[in-house]
Amino acid sequence: MKKAKEKSRKMLAYSKNVLSKMSFDVMLFKKELTKACKNLLEEEIEELMNWVMEKFGPQYVLKPIPVKK
């Protein structure tokens, strides 16, 4: 489990980096954000959505927020 969490934290950092580069296009950003959410743990999805809201604003946040099952 520890390895999975570590991998997921790296994925979160990678996702933030990619999203920062995609911020010029809202639709492309949301596509990448959707992909990122599929690879993160639930608590990291929440952290990522908070980061998106703070850094880019509400137009970049997915509605509804995707939740893994």
N, C-alpha and C. Protein backbone atom coordinates (compact mmCIF):
# COMPACT_ATOMS: atom_id res chain seq x y z
N MET A 1 0.83 -1.21 0.00
CA MET A 1 0.00 0.00 0.00
C MET A 1 0.87 1.26 0.00
N LYS A 2 1.97 1.21 0.74
CA LYS A 2 2.85 2.38 0.82
C LYS A 2 3.38 2.75 -0.57
N LYS A 3 3.74 1.73 -1.36
CA LYS A 3 4.26 1.97 -2.70
C LYS A 3 3.20 2.61 -3.60
N ALA A 4 1.97 2.14 -3.47
CA ALA A 4 0.87 2.70 -4.27
C ALA A 4 0.63 4.16 -3.91
N LYS A 5 0.69 4.48 -2.63
CA LYS A 5 0.49 5.86 -2.19
C LYS A 5 1.62 6.76 -2.69
N GLU A 6 2.84 6.24 -2.63
CA GLU A 6 4.00 7.00 -3.12
C GLU A 6 3.87 7.26 -4.62
N LYS A 7 3.47 6.23 -5.36
CA LYS A 7 3.27 6.36 -6.80
C LYS A 7 2.18 7.38 -7.09
N SER A 8 1.13 7.34 -6.32
CA SER A 8 0.03 8.27 -6.51
C SER A 8 0.44 9.71 -6.21
N ARG A 9 1.28 9.92 -5.20
CA ARG A 9 1.77 11.27 -4.88
C ARG A 9 2.61 11.81 -6.04
N LYS A 10 3.40 10.93 -6.64
CA LYS A 10 4.20 11.34 -7.80
C LYS A 10 3.29 11.69 -8.97
N MET A 11 2.21 10.92 -9.12
CA MET A 11 1.24 11.18 -10.18
C MET A 11 0.55 12.52 -9.96
N LEU A 12 0.27 12.84 -8.71
CA LEU A 12 -0.35 14.13 -8.38
C LEU A 12 0.58 15.28 -8.79
N ALA A 13 1.85 15.17 -8.45
CA ALA A 13 2.82 16.21 -8.82
C ALA A 13 2.94 16.31 -10.34
N TYR A 14 2.98 15.17 -11.01
CA TYR A 14 3.06 15.15 -12.47
C TYR A 14 1.81 15.79 -13.08
N SER A 15 0.66 15.46 -12.54
CA SER A 15 -0.61 16.01 -13.04
C SER A 15 -0.64 17.53 -12.91
N LYS A 16 -0.19 18.04 -11.79
CA LYS A 16 -0.15 19.49 -11.59
C LYS A 16 0.76 20.14 -12.62
N ASN A 17 1.88 19.51 -12.90
CA ASN A 17 2.82 20.04 -13.89
C ASN A 17 2.19 20.08 -15.28
N VAL A 18 1.54 18.99 -15.68
CA VAL A 18 0.89 18.93 -16.99
C VAL A 18 -0.23 19.95 -17.08
N LEU A 19 -1.04 20.03 -16.03
CA LEU A 19 -2.18 20.96 -16.04
C LEU A 19 -1.72 22.41 -16.12
N SER A 20 -0.62 22.72 -15.47
CA SER A 20 -0.08 24.09 -15.55
C SER A 20 0.24 24.46 -17.00
N LYS A 21 0.73 23.49 -17.75
CA LYS A 21 1.08 23.73 -19.14
C LYS A 21 -0.13 23.77 -20.06
N MET A 22 -1.27 23.19 -19.63
CA MET A 22 -2.48 23.12 -20.44
C MET A 22 -3.45 24.26 -20.14
N SER A 23 -3.11 25.15 -19.26
CA SER A 23 -4.06 26.16 -18.79
C SER A 23 -4.46 27.17 -19.87
N PHE A 24 -3.77 27.18 -20.99
CA PHE A 24 -4.10 28.11 -22.07
C PHE A 24 -5.41 27.74 -22.78
N ASP A 25 -5.87 26.49 -22.60
CA ASP A 25 -7.08 26.01 -23.28
C ASP A 25 -7.95 25.26 -22.27
N VAL A 26 -9.09 25.83 -21.91
CA VAL A 26 -9.95 25.25 -20.88
C VAL A 26 -10.40 23.84 -21.24
N MET A 27 -10.78 23.59 -22.48
CA MET A 27 -11.26 22.27 -22.87
C MET A 27 -10.15 21.22 -22.79
N LEU A 28 -8.97 21.56 -23.26
CA LEU A 28 -7.83 20.66 -23.17
C LEU A 28 -7.47 20.42 -21.71
N PHE A 29 -7.52 21.47 -20.92
CA PHE A 29 -7.25 21.37 -19.48
C PHE A 29 -8.20 20.38 -18.82
N LYS A 30 -9.49 20.50 -19.12
CA LYS A 30 -10.48 19.60 -18.51
C LYS A 30 -10.29 18.16 -18.96
N LYS A 31 -9.87 17.96 -20.20
CA LYS A 31 -9.59 16.61 -20.69
C LYS A 31 -8.43 16.00 -19.90
N GLU A 32 -7.37 16.77 -19.70
CA GLU A 32 -6.22 16.30 -18.93
C GLU A 32 -6.58 16.11 -17.45
N LEU A 33 -7.43 16.97 -16.94
CA LEU A 33 -7.87 16.85 -15.55
C LEU A 33 -8.67 15.56 -15.35
N THR A 34 -9.51 15.23 -16.31
CA THR A 34 -10.27 13.98 -16.24
C THR A 34 -9.33 12.78 -16.23
N LYS A 35 -8.32 12.81 -17.09
CA LYS A 35 -7.34 11.72 -17.10
C LYS A 35 -6.60 11.62 -15.77
N ALA A 36 -6.23 12.75 -15.22
CA ALA A 36 -5.51 12.77 -13.94
C ALA A 36 -6.35 12.15 -12.84
N CYS A 37 -7.63 12.46 -12.82
CA CYS A 37 -8.51 11.95 -11.76
C CYS A 37 -8.64 10.43 -11.80
N LYS A 38 -8.48 9.84 -12.96
CA LYS A 38 -8.56 8.39 -13.08
C LYS A 38 -7.35 7.70 -12.45
N ASN A 39 -6.25 8.43 -12.27
CA ASN A 39 -5.01 7.84 -11.78
C ASN A 39 -4.67 8.21 -10.35
N LEU A 40 -5.55 8.93 -9.68
CA LEU A 40 -5.26 9.39 -8.32
C LEU A 40 -6.18 8.74 -7.30
N LEU A 41 -5.73 8.76 -6.05
CA LEU A 41 -6.57 8.31 -4.95
C LEU A 41 -7.61 9.38 -4.65
N GLU A 42 -8.71 8.99 -4.01
CA GLU A 42 -9.82 9.94 -3.76
C GLU A 42 -9.36 11.21 -3.05
N GLU A 43 -8.55 11.07 -1.99
CA GLU A 43 -8.12 12.27 -1.26
C GLU A 43 -7.22 13.16 -2.11
N GLU A 44 -6.52 12.56 -3.06
CA GLU A 44 -5.67 13.36 -3.95
C GLU A 44 -6.49 14.06 -5.02
N ILE A 45 -7.60 13.47 -5.41
CA ILE A 45 -8.50 14.13 -6.35
C ILE A 45 -9.03 15.41 -5.70
N GLU A 46 -9.42 15.31 -4.46
CA GLU A 46 -9.90 16.49 -3.73
C GLU A 46 -8.80 17.55 -3.64
N GLU A 47 -7.60 17.12 -3.32
CA GLU A 47 -6.46 18.06 -3.24
C GLU A 47 -6.21 18.72 -4.60
N LEU A 48 -6.28 17.93 -5.66
CA LEU A 48 -6.06 18.46 -7.01
C LEU A 48 -7.15 19.47 -7.38
N MET A 49 -8.41 19.15 -7.07
CA MET A 49 -9.50 20.07 -7.38
C MET A 49 -9.36 21.40 -6.61
N ASN A 50 -8.93 21.31 -5.36
CA ASN A 50 -8.70 22.53 -4.58
C ASN A 50 -7.57 23.35 -5.20
N TRP A 51 -6.52 22.67 -5.63
CA TRP A 51 -5.38 23.34 -6.27
C TRP A 51 -5.83 24.03 -7.57
N VAL A 52 -6.64 23.34 -8.37
CA VAL A 52 -7.15 23.91 -9.63
C VAL A 52 -7.98 25.15 -9.34
N MET A 53 -8.87 25.06 -8.35
CA MET A 53 -9.73 26.20 -8.01
C MET A 53 -8.90 27.41 -7.58
N GLU A 54 -7.91 27.17 -6.74
CA GLU A 54 -7.07 28.27 -6.24
C GLU A 54 -6.20 28.88 -7.34
N LYS A 55 -5.62 28.03 -8.16
CA LYS A 55 -4.65 28.50 -9.16
C LYS A 55 -5.30 29.03 -10.44
N PHE A 56 -6.40 28.42 -10.86
CA PHE A 56 -6.98 28.76 -12.17
C PHE A 56 -8.40 29.29 -12.12
N GLY A 57 -9.15 28.99 -11.09
CA GLY A 57 -10.51 29.49 -10.98
C GLY A 57 -11.56 28.45 -11.32
N PRO A 58 -12.83 28.79 -11.04
CA PRO A 58 -13.93 27.83 -11.17
C PRO A 58 -14.19 27.33 -12.59
N GLN A 59 -13.84 28.10 -13.61
CA GLN A 59 -14.11 27.66 -14.98
C GLN A 59 -13.28 26.44 -15.36
N TYR A 60 -12.22 26.15 -14.60
CA TYR A 60 -11.36 25.00 -14.89
C TYR A 60 -11.74 23.74 -14.10
N VAL A 61 -12.62 23.86 -13.13
CA VAL A 61 -13.00 22.73 -12.28
C VAL A 61 -14.07 21.90 -12.98
N LEU A 62 -13.94 20.58 -12.88
CA LEU A 62 -14.93 19.69 -13.46
C LEU A 62 -16.19 19.68 -12.61
N LYS A 63 -17.34 19.71 -13.24
CA LYS A 63 -18.61 19.58 -12.54
C LYS A 63 -19.39 18.47 -13.19
N PRO A 64 -19.81 17.45 -12.54
CA PRO A 64 -19.47 17.11 -11.17
C PRO A 64 -18.03 16.59 -11.08
N ILE A 65 -17.47 16.65 -9.90
CA ILE A 65 -16.12 16.16 -9.68
C ILE A 65 -16.14 14.64 -9.80
N PRO A 66 -15.28 14.08 -10.65
CA PRO A 66 -15.28 12.62 -10.81
C PRO A 66 -14.80 11.91 -9.54
N VAL A 67 -15.47 10.84 -9.20
CA VAL A 67 -15.09 10.06 -8.02
C VAL A 67 -14.85 8.63 -8.47
N LYS A 68 -13.75 8.05 -8.04
CA LYS A 68 -13.44 6.66 -8.39
C LYS A 68 -14.36 5.72 -7.66
N LYS A 69 -14.68 4.62 -8.28
CA LYS A 69 -15.50 3.59 -7.64
C LYS A 69 -14.70 2.34 -7.43
